[in-house]
Amino acid sequence: GTLVQYVQLALTRAGYPAKMDGMFGKETCASLQAFLGTDAPCA
C-alpha cells in the first residue's frame, strides 16, 4: 500500500534503492536492513 511506498521512497532517497511498488517484499527488506545496518527481522 501507500505507506510501504513511502518507506521505499525514503530508502531510495537515502541511497538504498527500493522499487516503489508498494509491496513490502525481499528487495525492500534488504534495502531496509542495509539502511539500518542490521540483519534483524524486517519491520
Full PDB file with SEQRES, HELIX, SHEET, SSBOND, CRYST1, ORIGX, SCALE, CONECT and MASTER records, all heavy atoms in Angstrom:
SEQRES   1 A   43  GLY THR LEU VAL GLN TYR VAL GLN LEU ALA LEU THR ARG          
SEQRES   2 A   43  ALA GLY TYR PRO ALA LYS MET ASP GLY MET PHE GLY LYS          
SEQRES   3 A   43  GLU THR CYS ALA SER LEU GLN ALA PHE LEU GLY THR ASP          
SEQRES   4 A   43  ALA PRO CYS ALA                                              
HELIX    1 AA1 THR A    2  ARG A   13  1                                  12    
HELIX    2 AA2 LYS A   26  LEU A   36  1                                  11    
SSBOND   1 CYS A   29    CYS A   42                          1555   1555  1.71  
CRYST1    1.000    1.000    1.000  90.00  90.00  90.00 P 1           1          
ORIGX1      1.000000  0.000000  0.000000        0.00000                         
ORIGX2      0.000000  1.000000  0.000000        0.00000                         
ORIGX3      0.000000  0.000000  1.000000        0.00000                         
SCALE1      1.000000  0.000000  0.000000        0.00000                         
SCALE2      0.000000  1.000000  0.000000        0.00000                         
SCALE3      0.000000  0.000000  1.000000        0.00000                         
ATOM      1  N   GLY A   1       0.799  -1.210   0.000  1.00  0.00           N  
ATOM      2  CA  GLY A   1       0.000   0.000   0.000  1.00  0.00           C  
ATOM      3  C   GLY A   1       0.836   1.266   0.000  1.00  0.00           C  
ATOM      4  O   GLY A   1       2.063   1.247  -0.166  1.00  0.00           O  
ATOM      5  N   THR A   2       0.163   2.377   0.238  1.00  0.00           N  
ATOM      6  CA  THR A   2       0.779   3.693   0.127  1.00  0.00           C  
ATOM      7  C   THR A   2       1.884   3.904   1.158  1.00  0.00           C  
ATOM      8  O   THR A   2       2.936   4.464   0.848  1.00  0.00           O  
ATOM      9  CB  THR A   2      -0.305   4.779   0.278  1.00  0.00           C  
ATOM     10  OG1 THR A   2      -1.285   4.597  -0.752  1.00  0.00           O  
ATOM     11  CG2 THR A   2       0.287   6.167   0.152  1.00  0.00           C  
ATOM     12  N   LEU A   3       1.686   3.459   2.392  1.00  0.00           N  
ATOM     13  CA  LEU A   3       2.721   3.640   3.407  1.00  0.00           C  
ATOM     14  C   LEU A   3       3.983   2.869   3.067  1.00  0.00           C  
ATOM     15  O   LEU A   3       5.096   3.330   3.348  1.00  0.00           O  
ATOM     16  CB  LEU A   3       2.194   3.229   4.785  1.00  0.00           C  
ATOM     17  CG  LEU A   3       1.104   4.123   5.378  1.00  0.00           C  
ATOM     18  CD1 LEU A   3       0.649   3.574   6.728  1.00  0.00           C  
ATOM     19  CD2 LEU A   3       1.593   5.551   5.528  1.00  0.00           C  
ATOM     20  N   VAL A   4       3.834   1.707   2.456  1.00  0.00           N  
ATOM     21  CA  VAL A   4       5.017   0.962   2.011  1.00  0.00           C  
ATOM     22  C   VAL A   4       5.738   1.747   0.920  1.00  0.00           C  
ATOM     23  O   VAL A   4       6.978   1.802   0.891  1.00  0.00           O  
ATOM     24  CB  VAL A   4       4.626  -0.444   1.507  1.00  0.00           C  
ATOM     25  CG1 VAL A   4       5.845  -1.173   0.955  1.00  0.00           C  
ATOM     26  CG2 VAL A   4       3.992  -1.260   2.622  1.00  0.00           C  
ATOM     27  N   GLN A   5       4.983   2.403   0.035  1.00  0.00           N  
ATOM     28  CA  GLN A   5       5.615   3.261  -0.971  1.00  0.00           C  
ATOM     29  C   GLN A   5       6.467   4.342  -0.306  1.00  0.00           C  
ATOM     30  O   GLN A   5       7.557   4.666  -0.792  1.00  0.00           O  
ATOM     31  CB  GLN A   5       4.554   3.950  -1.834  1.00  0.00           C  
ATOM     32  CG  GLN A   5       3.900   3.086  -2.882  1.00  0.00           C  
ATOM     33  CD  GLN A   5       2.988   3.914  -3.772  1.00  0.00           C  
ATOM     34  OE1 GLN A   5       2.337   4.854  -3.331  1.00  0.00           O  
ATOM     35  NE2 GLN A   5       2.938   3.567  -5.052  1.00  0.00           N  
ATOM     36  N   TYR A   6       5.991   4.890   0.803  1.00  0.00           N  
ATOM     37  CA  TYR A   6       6.741   5.952   1.468  1.00  0.00           C  
ATOM     38  C   TYR A   6       8.040   5.413   2.056  1.00  0.00           C  
ATOM     39  O   TYR A   6       9.074   6.092   2.035  1.00  0.00           O  
ATOM     40  CB  TYR A   6       5.892   6.608   2.554  1.00  0.00           C  
ATOM     41  CG  TYR A   6       4.652   7.313   2.037  1.00  0.00           C  
ATOM     42  CD1 TYR A   6       3.627   7.688   2.898  1.00  0.00           C  
ATOM     43  CD2 TYR A   6       4.481   7.595   0.678  1.00  0.00           C  
ATOM     44  CE1 TYR A   6       2.487   8.330   2.432  1.00  0.00           C  
ATOM     45  CE2 TYR A   6       3.345   8.222   0.200  1.00  0.00           C  
ATOM     46  CZ  TYR A   6       2.344   8.587   1.084  1.00  0.00           C  
ATOM     47  OH  TYR A   6       1.215   9.206   0.628  1.00  0.00           O  
ATOM     48  N   VAL A   7       7.993   4.204   2.599  1.00  0.00           N  
ATOM     49  CA  VAL A   7       9.219   3.571   3.076  1.00  0.00           C  
ATOM     50  C   VAL A   7      10.190   3.400   1.915  1.00  0.00           C  
ATOM     51  O   VAL A   7      11.387   3.706   2.025  1.00  0.00           O  
ATOM     52  CB  VAL A   7       8.914   2.211   3.733  1.00  0.00           C  
ATOM     53  CG1 VAL A   7      10.193   1.438   4.022  1.00  0.00           C  
ATOM     54  CG2 VAL A   7       8.112   2.408   5.021  1.00  0.00           C  
ATOM     55  N   GLN A   8       9.696   2.921   0.799  1.00  0.00           N  
ATOM     56  CA  GLN A   8      10.547   2.703  -0.375  1.00  0.00           C  
ATOM     57  C   GLN A   8      11.116   4.014  -0.912  1.00  0.00           C  
ATOM     58  O   GLN A   8      12.273   4.073  -1.322  1.00  0.00           O  
ATOM     59  CB  GLN A   8       9.736   1.975  -1.450  1.00  0.00           C  
ATOM     60  CG  GLN A   8       9.343   0.559  -1.041  1.00  0.00           C  
ATOM     61  CD  GLN A   8       8.270  -0.049  -1.924  1.00  0.00           C  
ATOM     62  OE1 GLN A   8       7.456   0.666  -2.508  1.00  0.00           O  
ATOM     63  NE2 GLN A   8       8.244  -1.373  -2.004  1.00  0.00           N  
ATOM     64  N   LEU A   9      10.314   5.066  -0.888  1.00  0.00           N  
ATOM     65  CA  LEU A   9      10.791   6.380  -1.322  1.00  0.00           C  
ATOM     66  C   LEU A   9      11.906   6.876  -0.410  1.00  0.00           C  
ATOM     67  O   LEU A   9      12.954   7.355  -0.889  1.00  0.00           O  
ATOM     68  CB  LEU A   9       9.625   7.371  -1.322  1.00  0.00           C  
ATOM     69  CG  LEU A   9       9.966   8.841  -1.581  1.00  0.00           C  
ATOM     70  CD1 LEU A   9      10.561   9.026  -2.970  1.00  0.00           C  
ATOM     71  CD2 LEU A   9       8.732   9.716  -1.394  1.00  0.00           C  
ATOM     72  N   ALA A  10      11.705   6.772   0.902  1.00  0.00           N  
ATOM     73  CA  ALA A  10      12.718   7.229   1.848  1.00  0.00           C  
ATOM     74  C   ALA A  10      14.018   6.442   1.690  1.00  0.00           C  
ATOM     75  O   ALA A  10      15.111   7.018   1.702  1.00  0.00           O  
ATOM     76  CB  ALA A  10      12.187   7.116   3.274  1.00  0.00           C  
ATOM     77  N   LEU A  11      13.911   5.127   1.549  1.00  0.00           N  
ATOM     78  CA  LEU A  11      15.106   4.301   1.375  1.00  0.00           C  
ATOM     79  C   LEU A  11      15.856   4.674   0.107  1.00  0.00           C  
ATOM     80  O   LEU A  11      17.091   4.787   0.106  1.00  0.00           O  
ATOM     81  CB  LEU A  11      14.713   2.817   1.331  1.00  0.00           C  
ATOM     82  CG  LEU A  11      14.219   2.209   2.642  1.00  0.00           C  
ATOM     83  CD1 LEU A  11      13.656   0.818   2.411  1.00  0.00           C  
ATOM     84  CD2 LEU A  11      15.340   2.164   3.681  1.00  0.00           C  
ATOM     85  N   THR A  12      15.132   4.884  -0.960  1.00  0.00           N  
ATOM     86  CA  THR A  12      15.763   5.251  -2.227  1.00  0.00           C  
ATOM     87  C   THR A  12      16.479   6.586  -2.099  1.00  0.00           C  
ATOM     88  O   THR A  12      17.616   6.745  -2.560  1.00  0.00           O  
ATOM     89  CB  THR A  12      14.703   5.313  -3.343  1.00  0.00           C  
ATOM     90  OG1 THR A  12      14.108   4.014  -3.483  1.00  0.00           O  
ATOM     91  CG2 THR A  12      15.309   5.730  -4.666  1.00  0.00           C  
ATOM     92  N   ARG A  13      15.836   7.544  -1.467  1.00  0.00           N  
ATOM     93  CA  ARG A  13      16.472   8.852  -1.280  1.00  0.00           C  
ATOM     94  C   ARG A  13      17.698   8.768  -0.377  1.00  0.00           C  
ATOM     95  O   ARG A  13      18.638   9.558  -0.525  1.00  0.00           O  
ATOM     96  CB  ARG A  13      15.458   9.829  -0.683  1.00  0.00           C  
ATOM     97  CG  ARG A  13      14.414  10.307  -1.682  1.00  0.00           C  
ATOM     98  CD  ARG A  13      13.370  11.169  -1.008  1.00  0.00           C  
ATOM     99  NE  ARG A  13      12.543  11.871  -1.991  1.00  0.00           N  
ATOM    100  CZ  ARG A  13      11.525  12.667  -1.666  1.00  0.00           C  
ATOM    101  NH1 ARG A  13      11.198  12.829  -0.390  1.00  0.00           N  
ATOM    102  NH2 ARG A  13      10.841  13.280  -2.613  1.00  0.00           N  
ATOM    103  N   ALA A  14      17.671   7.823   0.563  1.00  0.00           N  
ATOM    104  CA  ALA A  14      18.803   7.665   1.476  1.00  0.00           C  
ATOM    105  C   ALA A  14      19.965   6.910   0.842  1.00  0.00           C  
ATOM    106  O   ALA A  14      21.017   6.773   1.461  1.00  0.00           O  
ATOM    107  CB  ALA A  14      18.348   6.933   2.738  1.00  0.00           C  
ATOM    108  N   GLY A  15      19.780   6.428  -0.383  1.00  0.00           N  
ATOM    109  CA  GLY A  15      20.848   5.718  -1.078  1.00  0.00           C  
ATOM    110  C   GLY A  15      20.733   4.212  -1.048  1.00  0.00           C  
ATOM    111  O   GLY A  15      21.693   3.505  -1.386  1.00  0.00           O  
ATOM    112  N   TYR A  16      19.559   3.714  -0.665  1.00  0.00           N  
ATOM    113  CA  TYR A  16      19.318   2.266  -0.608  1.00  0.00           C  
ATOM    114  C   TYR A  16      18.092   1.958  -1.471  1.00  0.00           C  
ATOM    115  O   TYR A  16      16.980   1.794  -0.949  1.00  0.00           O  
ATOM    116  CB  TYR A  16      19.105   1.819   0.844  1.00  0.00           C  
ATOM    117  CG  TYR A  16      20.281   2.149   1.725  1.00  0.00           C  
ATOM    118  CD1 TYR A  16      20.367   3.387   2.367  1.00  0.00           C  
ATOM    119  CD2 TYR A  16      21.328   1.243   1.876  1.00  0.00           C  
ATOM    120  CE1 TYR A  16      21.460   3.704   3.152  1.00  0.00           C  
ATOM    121  CE2 TYR A  16      22.425   1.555   2.671  1.00  0.00           C  
ATOM    122  CZ  TYR A  16      22.487   2.788   3.298  1.00  0.00           C  
ATOM    123  OH  TYR A  16      23.581   3.093   4.073  1.00  0.00           O  
ATOM    124  N   PRO A  17      18.268   1.901  -2.783  1.00  0.00           N  
ATOM    125  CA  PRO A  17      17.125   1.862  -3.717  1.00  0.00           C  
ATOM    126  C   PRO A  17      16.167   0.712  -3.448  1.00  0.00           C  
ATOM    127  O   PRO A  17      16.566  -0.416  -3.141  1.00  0.00           O  
ATOM    128  CB  PRO A  17      17.801   1.711  -5.087  1.00  0.00           C  
ATOM    129  CG  PRO A  17      19.179   2.246  -4.898  1.00  0.00           C  
ATOM    130  CD  PRO A  17      19.561   1.891  -3.490  1.00  0.00           C  
ATOM    131  N   ALA A  18      14.876   1.049  -3.559  1.00  0.00           N  
ATOM    132  CA  ALA A  18      13.806   0.064  -3.445  1.00  0.00           C  
ATOM    133  C   ALA A  18      12.739   0.437  -4.471  1.00  0.00           C  
ATOM    134  O   ALA A  18      12.363   1.607  -4.582  1.00  0.00           O  
ATOM    135  CB  ALA A  18      13.218   0.051  -2.044  1.00  0.00           C  
ATOM    136  N   LYS A  19      12.265  -0.520  -5.204  1.00  0.00           N  
ATOM    137  CA  LYS A  19      11.220  -0.266  -6.192  1.00  0.00           C  
ATOM    138  C   LYS A  19       9.965   0.249  -5.494  1.00  0.00           C  
ATOM    139  O   LYS A  19       9.473  -0.367  -4.547  1.00  0.00           O  
ATOM    140  CB  LYS A  19      10.901  -1.553  -6.951  1.00  0.00           C  
ATOM    141  CG  LYS A  19       9.901  -1.382  -8.084  1.00  0.00           C  
ATOM    142  CD  LYS A  19       9.685  -2.698  -8.822  1.00  0.00           C  
ATOM    143  CE  LYS A  19       8.677  -2.521  -9.951  1.00  0.00           C  
ATOM    144  NZ  LYS A  19       8.447  -3.814 -10.660  1.00  0.00           N  
ATOM    145  N   MET A  20       9.432   1.365  -5.975  1.00  0.00           N  
ATOM    146  CA  MET A  20       8.301   1.997  -5.300  1.00  0.00           C  
ATOM    147  C   MET A  20       6.980   1.436  -5.798  1.00  0.00           C  
ATOM    148  O   MET A  20       6.147   2.125  -6.381  1.00  0.00           O  
ATOM    149  CB  MET A  20       8.396   3.517  -5.470  1.00  0.00           C  
ATOM    150  CG  MET A  20       9.402   4.132  -4.530  1.00  0.00           C  
ATOM    151  SD  MET A  20       9.755   5.871  -4.830  1.00  0.00           S  
ATOM    152  CE  MET A  20      11.171   5.777  -5.919  1.00  0.00           C  
ATOM    153  N   ASP A  21       6.809   0.120  -5.535  1.00  0.00           N  
ATOM    154  CA  ASP A  21       5.615  -0.584  -5.991  1.00  0.00           C  
ATOM    155  C   ASP A  21       4.609  -0.819  -4.869  1.00  0.00           C  
ATOM    156  O   ASP A  21       3.555  -1.419  -5.080  1.00  0.00           O  
ATOM    157  CB  ASP A  21       5.995  -1.914  -6.636  1.00  0.00           C  
ATOM    158  CG  ASP A  21       6.778  -2.831  -5.696  1.00  0.00           C  
ATOM    159  OD1 ASP A  21       6.992  -2.461  -4.510  1.00  0.00           O  
ATOM    160  OD2 ASP A  21       7.197  -3.923  -6.142  1.00  0.00           O  
ATOM    161  N   GLY A  22       4.942  -0.371  -3.646  1.00  0.00           N  
ATOM    162  CA  GLY A  22       4.025  -0.557  -2.531  1.00  0.00           C  
ATOM    163  C   GLY A  22       3.979  -1.966  -1.985  1.00  0.00           C  
ATOM    164  O   GLY A  22       3.093  -2.278  -1.179  1.00  0.00           O  
ATOM    165  N   MET A  23       4.929  -2.814  -2.376  1.00  0.00           N  
ATOM    166  CA  MET A  23       4.965  -4.207  -1.918  1.00  0.00           C  
ATOM    167  C   MET A  23       6.170  -4.402  -0.996  1.00  0.00           C  
ATOM    168  O   MET A  23       7.318  -4.216  -1.411  1.00  0.00           O  
ATOM    169  CB  MET A  23       5.074  -5.158  -3.114  1.00  0.00           C  
ATOM    170  CG  MET A  23       4.020  -4.938  -4.181  1.00  0.00           C  
ATOM    171  SD  MET A  23       2.389  -5.512  -3.680  1.00  0.00           S  
ATOM    172  CE  MET A  23       2.660  -7.277  -3.697  1.00  0.00           C  
ATOM    173  N   PHE A  24       5.910  -4.784   0.254  1.00  0.00           N  
ATOM    174  CA  PHE A  24       6.991  -4.997   1.217  1.00  0.00           C  
ATOM    175  C   PHE A  24       7.514  -6.421   1.024  1.00  0.00           C  
ATOM    176  O   PHE A  24       7.135  -7.355   1.727  1.00  0.00           O  
ATOM    177  CB  PHE A  24       6.468  -4.795   2.633  1.00  0.00           C  
ATOM    178  CG  PHE A  24       7.531  -4.573   3.676  1.00  0.00           C  
ATOM    179  CD1 PHE A  24       7.227  -3.898   4.857  1.00  0.00           C  
ATOM    180  CD2 PHE A  24       8.835  -5.018   3.503  1.00  0.00           C  
ATOM    181  CE1 PHE A  24       8.181  -3.688   5.841  1.00  0.00           C  
ATOM    182  CE2 PHE A  24       9.805  -4.824   4.466  1.00  0.00           C  
ATOM    183  CZ  PHE A  24       9.472  -4.147   5.642  1.00  0.00           C  
ATOM    184  N   GLY A  25       8.413  -6.548   0.041  1.00  0.00           N  
ATOM    185  CA  GLY A  25       8.966  -7.850  -0.289  1.00  0.00           C  
ATOM    186  C   GLY A  25      10.445  -7.938   0.055  1.00  0.00           C  
ATOM    187  O   GLY A  25      10.979  -7.142   0.833  1.00  0.00           O  
ATOM    188  N   LYS A  26      11.130  -8.901  -0.567  1.00  0.00           N  
ATOM    189  CA  LYS A  26      12.537  -9.168  -0.246  1.00  0.00           C  
ATOM    190  C   LYS A  26      13.435  -7.981  -0.577  1.00  0.00           C  
ATOM    191  O   LYS A  26      14.355  -7.658   0.180  1.00  0.00           O  
ATOM    192  CB  LYS A  26      13.004 -10.413  -0.994  1.00  0.00           C  
ATOM    193  CG  LYS A  26      12.358 -11.709  -0.501  1.00  0.00           C  
ATOM    194  CD  LYS A  26      12.896 -12.907  -1.271  1.00  0.00           C  
ATOM    195  CE  LYS A  26      12.263 -14.211  -0.771  1.00  0.00           C  
ATOM    196  NZ  LYS A  26      12.772 -15.391  -1.523  1.00  0.00           N  
ATOM    197  N   GLU A  27      13.182  -7.337  -1.705  1.00  0.00           N  
ATOM    198  CA  GLU A  27      14.034  -6.212  -2.102  1.00  0.00           C  
ATOM    199  C   GLU A  27      13.925  -5.063  -1.101  1.00  0.00           C  
ATOM    200  O   GLU A  27      14.933  -4.494  -0.671  1.00  0.00           O  
ATOM    201  CB  GLU A  27      13.636  -5.718  -3.501  1.00  0.00           C  
ATOM    202  CG  GLU A  27      14.448  -4.518  -3.969  1.00  0.00           C  
ATOM    203  CD  GLU A  27      13.941  -3.954  -5.291  1.00  0.00           C  
ATOM    204  OE1 GLU A  27      13.388  -4.726  -6.095  1.00  0.00           O  
ATOM    205  OE2 GLU A  27      14.103  -2.731  -5.496  1.00  0.00           O  
ATOM    206  N   THR A  28      12.698  -4.736  -0.723  1.00  0.00           N  
ATOM    207  CA  THR A  28      12.502  -3.669   0.249  1.00  0.00           C  
ATOM    208  C   THR A  28      13.115  -4.044   1.596  1.00  0.00           C  
ATOM    209  O   THR A  28      13.729  -3.209   2.274  1.00  0.00           O  
ATOM    210  CB  THR A  28      11.004  -3.367   0.412  1.00  0.00           C  
ATOM    211  OG1 THR A  28      10.473  -2.951  -0.853  1.00  0.00           O  
ATOM    212  CG2 THR A  28      10.761  -2.289   1.447  1.00  0.00           C  
ATOM    213  N   CYS A  29      12.965  -5.299   1.975  1.00  0.00           N  
ATOM    214  CA  CYS A  29      13.543  -5.767   3.238  1.00  0.00           C  
ATOM    215  C   CYS A  29      15.066  -5.621   3.221  1.00  0.00           C  
ATOM    216  O   CYS A  29      15.663  -5.141   4.188  1.00  0.00           O  
ATOM    217  CB  CYS A  29      13.150  -7.230   3.466  1.00  0.00           C  
ATOM    218  SG  CYS A  29      13.707  -7.895   5.050  1.00  0.00           S  
ATOM    219  N   ALA A  30      15.690  -6.018   2.108  1.00  0.00           N  
ATOM    220  CA  ALA A  30      17.150  -5.917   2.007  1.00  0.00           C  
ATOM    221  C   ALA A  30      17.606  -4.463   2.074  1.00  0.00           C  
ATOM    222  O   ALA A  30      18.592  -4.135   2.743  1.00  0.00           O  
ATOM    223  CB  ALA A  30      17.626  -6.566   0.710  1.00  0.00           C  
ATOM    224  N   SER A  31      16.892  -3.569   1.392  1.00  0.00           N  
ATOM    225  CA  SER A  31      17.241  -2.147   1.427  1.00  0.00           C  
ATOM    226  C   SER A  31      17.068  -1.583   2.828  1.00  0.00           C  
ATOM    227  O   SER A  31      17.892  -0.793   3.303  1.00  0.00           O  
ATOM    228  CB  SER A  31      16.374  -1.363   0.441  1.00  0.00           C  
ATOM    229  OG  SER A  31      16.646  -1.750  -0.890  1.00  0.00           O  
ATOM    230  N   LEU A  32      16.010  -2.000   3.515  1.00  0.00           N  
ATOM    231  CA  LEU A  32      15.766  -1.521   4.871  1.00  0.00           C  
ATOM    232  C   LEU A  32      16.860  -1.983   5.815  1.00  0.00           C  
ATOM    233  O   LEU A  32      17.377  -1.201   6.631  1.00  0.00           O  
ATOM    234  CB  LEU A  32      14.392  -2.004   5.351  1.00  0.00           C  
ATOM    235  CG  LEU A  32      14.007  -1.619   6.779  1.00  0.00           C  
ATOM    236  CD1 LEU A  32      13.895  -0.113   6.926  1.00  0.00           C  
ATOM    237  CD2 LEU A  32      12.689  -2.301   7.176  1.00  0.00           C  
ATOM    238  N   GLN A  33      17.245  -3.245   5.728  1.00  0.00           N  
ATOM    239  CA  GLN A  33      18.290  -3.761   6.602  1.00  0.00           C  
ATOM    240  C   GLN A  33      19.621  -3.073   6.336  1.00  0.00           C  
ATOM    241  O   GLN A  33      20.370  -2.764   7.265  1.00  0.00           O  
ATOM    242  CB  GLN A  33      18.419  -5.275   6.420  1.00  0.00           C  
ATOM    243  CG  GLN A  33      17.234  -6.048   7.002  1.00  0.00           C  
ATOM    244  CD  GLN A  33      17.332  -7.539   6.742  1.00  0.00           C  
ATOM    245  OE1 GLN A  33      17.753  -7.964   5.673  1.00  0.00           O  
ATOM    246  NE2 GLN A  33      16.924  -8.334   7.730  1.00  0.00           N  
ATOM    247  N   ALA A  34      19.918  -2.814   5.052  1.00  0.00           N  
ATOM    248  CA  ALA A  34      21.155  -2.103   4.728  1.00  0.00           C  
ATOM    249  C   ALA A  34      21.124  -0.681   5.281  1.00  0.00           C  
ATOM    250  O   ALA A  34      22.122  -0.178   5.819  1.00  0.00           O  
ATOM    251  CB  ALA A  34      21.349  -2.083   3.212  1.00  0.00           C  
ATOM    252  N   PHE A  35      19.984  -0.030   5.176  1.00  0.00           N  
ATOM    253  CA  PHE A  35      19.830   1.327   5.702  1.00  0.00           C  
ATOM    254  C   PHE A  35      20.021   1.351   7.214  1.00  0.00           C  
ATOM    255  O   PHE A  35      20.692   2.238   7.755  1.00  0.00           O  
ATOM    256  CB  PHE A  35      18.442   1.854   5.330  1.00  0.00           C  
ATOM    257  CG  PHE A  35      18.042   3.143   6.007  1.00  0.00           C  
ATOM    258  CD1 PHE A  35      18.608   4.345   5.625  1.00  0.00           C  
ATOM    259  CD2 PHE A  35      17.095   3.138   7.028  1.00  0.00           C  
ATOM    260  CE1 PHE A  35      18.243   5.538   6.254  1.00  0.00           C  
ATOM    261  CE2 PHE A  35      16.717   4.322   7.651  1.00  0.00           C  
ATOM    262  CZ  PHE A  35      17.292   5.525   7.266  1.00  0.00           C  
ATOM    263  N   LEU A  36      19.450   0.372   7.907  1.00  0.00           N  
ATOM    264  CA  LEU A  36      19.531   0.322   9.365  1.00  0.00           C  
ATOM    265  C   LEU A  36      20.858  -0.251   9.855  1.00  0.00           C  
ATOM    266  O   LEU A  36      21.193  -0.115  11.039  1.00  0.00           O  
ATOM    267  CB  LEU A  36      18.380  -0.520   9.917  1.00  0.00           C  
ATOM    268  CG  LEU A  36      16.968   0.008   9.661  1.00  0.00           C  
ATOM    269  CD1 LEU A  36      15.933  -1.020  10.091  1.00  0.00           C  
ATOM    270  CD2 LEU A  36      16.748   1.325  10.384  1.00  0.00           C  
ATOM    271  N   GLY A  37      21.606  -0.913   8.959  1.00  0.00           N  
ATOM    272  CA  GLY A  37      22.866  -1.524   9.358  1.00  0.00           C  
ATOM    273  C   GLY A  37      22.689  -2.716  10.255  1.00  0.00           C  
ATOM    274  O   GLY A  37      23.465  -2.933  11.187  1.00  0.00           O  
ATOM    275  N   THR A  38      21.664  -3.523   9.961  1.00  0.00           N  
ATOM    276  CA  THR A  38      21.369  -4.682  10.798  1.00  0.00           C  
ATOM    277  C   THR A  38      20.734  -5.773   9.954  1.00  0.00           C  
ATOM    278  O   THR A  38      20.142  -5.494   8.907  1.00  0.00           O  
ATOM    279  CB  THR A  38      20.407  -4.303  11.937  1.00  0.00           C  
ATOM    280  OG1 THR A  38      20.116  -5.470  12.715  1.00  0.00           O  
ATOM    281  CG2 THR A  38      19.108  -3.739  11.393  1.00  0.00           C  
ATOM    282  N   ASP A  39      20.891  -7.007  10.413  1.00  0.00           N  
ATOM    283  CA  ASP A  39      20.196  -8.112   9.753  1.00  0.00           C  
ATOM    284  C   ASP A  39      19.042  -8.603  10.625  1.00  0.00           C  
ATOM    285  O   ASP A  39      18.572  -9.733  10.497  1.00  0.00           O  
ATOM    286  CB  ASP A  39      21.153  -9.262   9.433  1.00  0.00           C  
ATOM    287  CG  ASP A  39      21.853  -9.808  10.680  1.00  0.00           C  
ATOM    288  OD1 ASP A  39      21.613  -9.281  11.795  1.00  0.00           O  
ATOM    289  OD2 ASP A  39      22.657 -10.755  10.541  1.00  0.00           O  
ATOM    290  N   ALA A  40      18.588  -7.733  11.536  1.00  0.00           N  
ATOM    291  CA  ALA A  40      17.436  -8.075  12.362  1.00  0.00           C  
ATOM    292  C   ALA A  40      16.206  -8.250  11.485  1.00  0.00           C  
ATOM    293  O   ALA A  40      16.170  -7.785  10.336  1.00  0.00           O  
ATOM    294  CB  ALA A  40      17.197  -6.972  13.396  1.00  0.00           C  
ATOM    295  N   PRO A  41      15.190  -8.946  11.978  1.00  0.00           N  
ATOM    296  CA  PRO A  41      13.982  -9.142  11.176  1.00  0.00           C  
ATOM    297  C   PRO A  41      13.430  -7.823  10.661  1.00  0.00           C  
ATOM    298  O   PRO A  41      13.449  -6.802  11.358  1.00  0.00           O  
ATOM    299  CB  PRO A  41      13.021  -9.819  12.162  1.00  0.00           C  
ATOM    300  CG  PRO A  41      13.910 -10.504  13.138  1.00  0.00           C  
ATOM    301  CD  PRO A  41      15.105  -9.617  13.286  1.00  0.00           C  
ATOM    302  N   CYS A  42      12.938  -7.839   9.423  1.00  0.00           N  
ATOM    303  CA  CYS A  42      12.414  -6.626   8.792  1.00  0.00           C  
ATOM    304  C   CYS A  42      11.131  -6.182   9.474  1.00  0.00           C  
ATOM    305  O   CYS A  42      10.207  -6.979   9.654  1.00  0.00           O  
ATOM    306  CB  CYS A  42      12.109  -6.898   7.319  1.00  0.00           C  
ATOM    307  SG  CYS A  42      13.541  -6.706   6.262  1.00  0.00           S  
ATOM    308  N   ALA A  43      11.090  -4.909   9.827  1.00  0.00           N  
ATOM    309  CA  ALA A  43       9.882  -4.305  10.363  1.00  0.00           C  
ATOM    310  C   ALA A  43      10.086  -2.805  10.376  1.00  0.00           C  
ATOM    311  O   ALA A  43      11.215  -2.311  10.505  1.00  0.00           O  
ATOM    312  CB  ALA A  43       9.571  -4.810  11.765  1.00  0.00           C  
TER     313      ALA A  43                                                      
CONECT  218  307                                                                
CONECT  307  218                                                                
MASTER        0    0    0    2    0    0    0    6  312    1    2    4          
END                                                                             
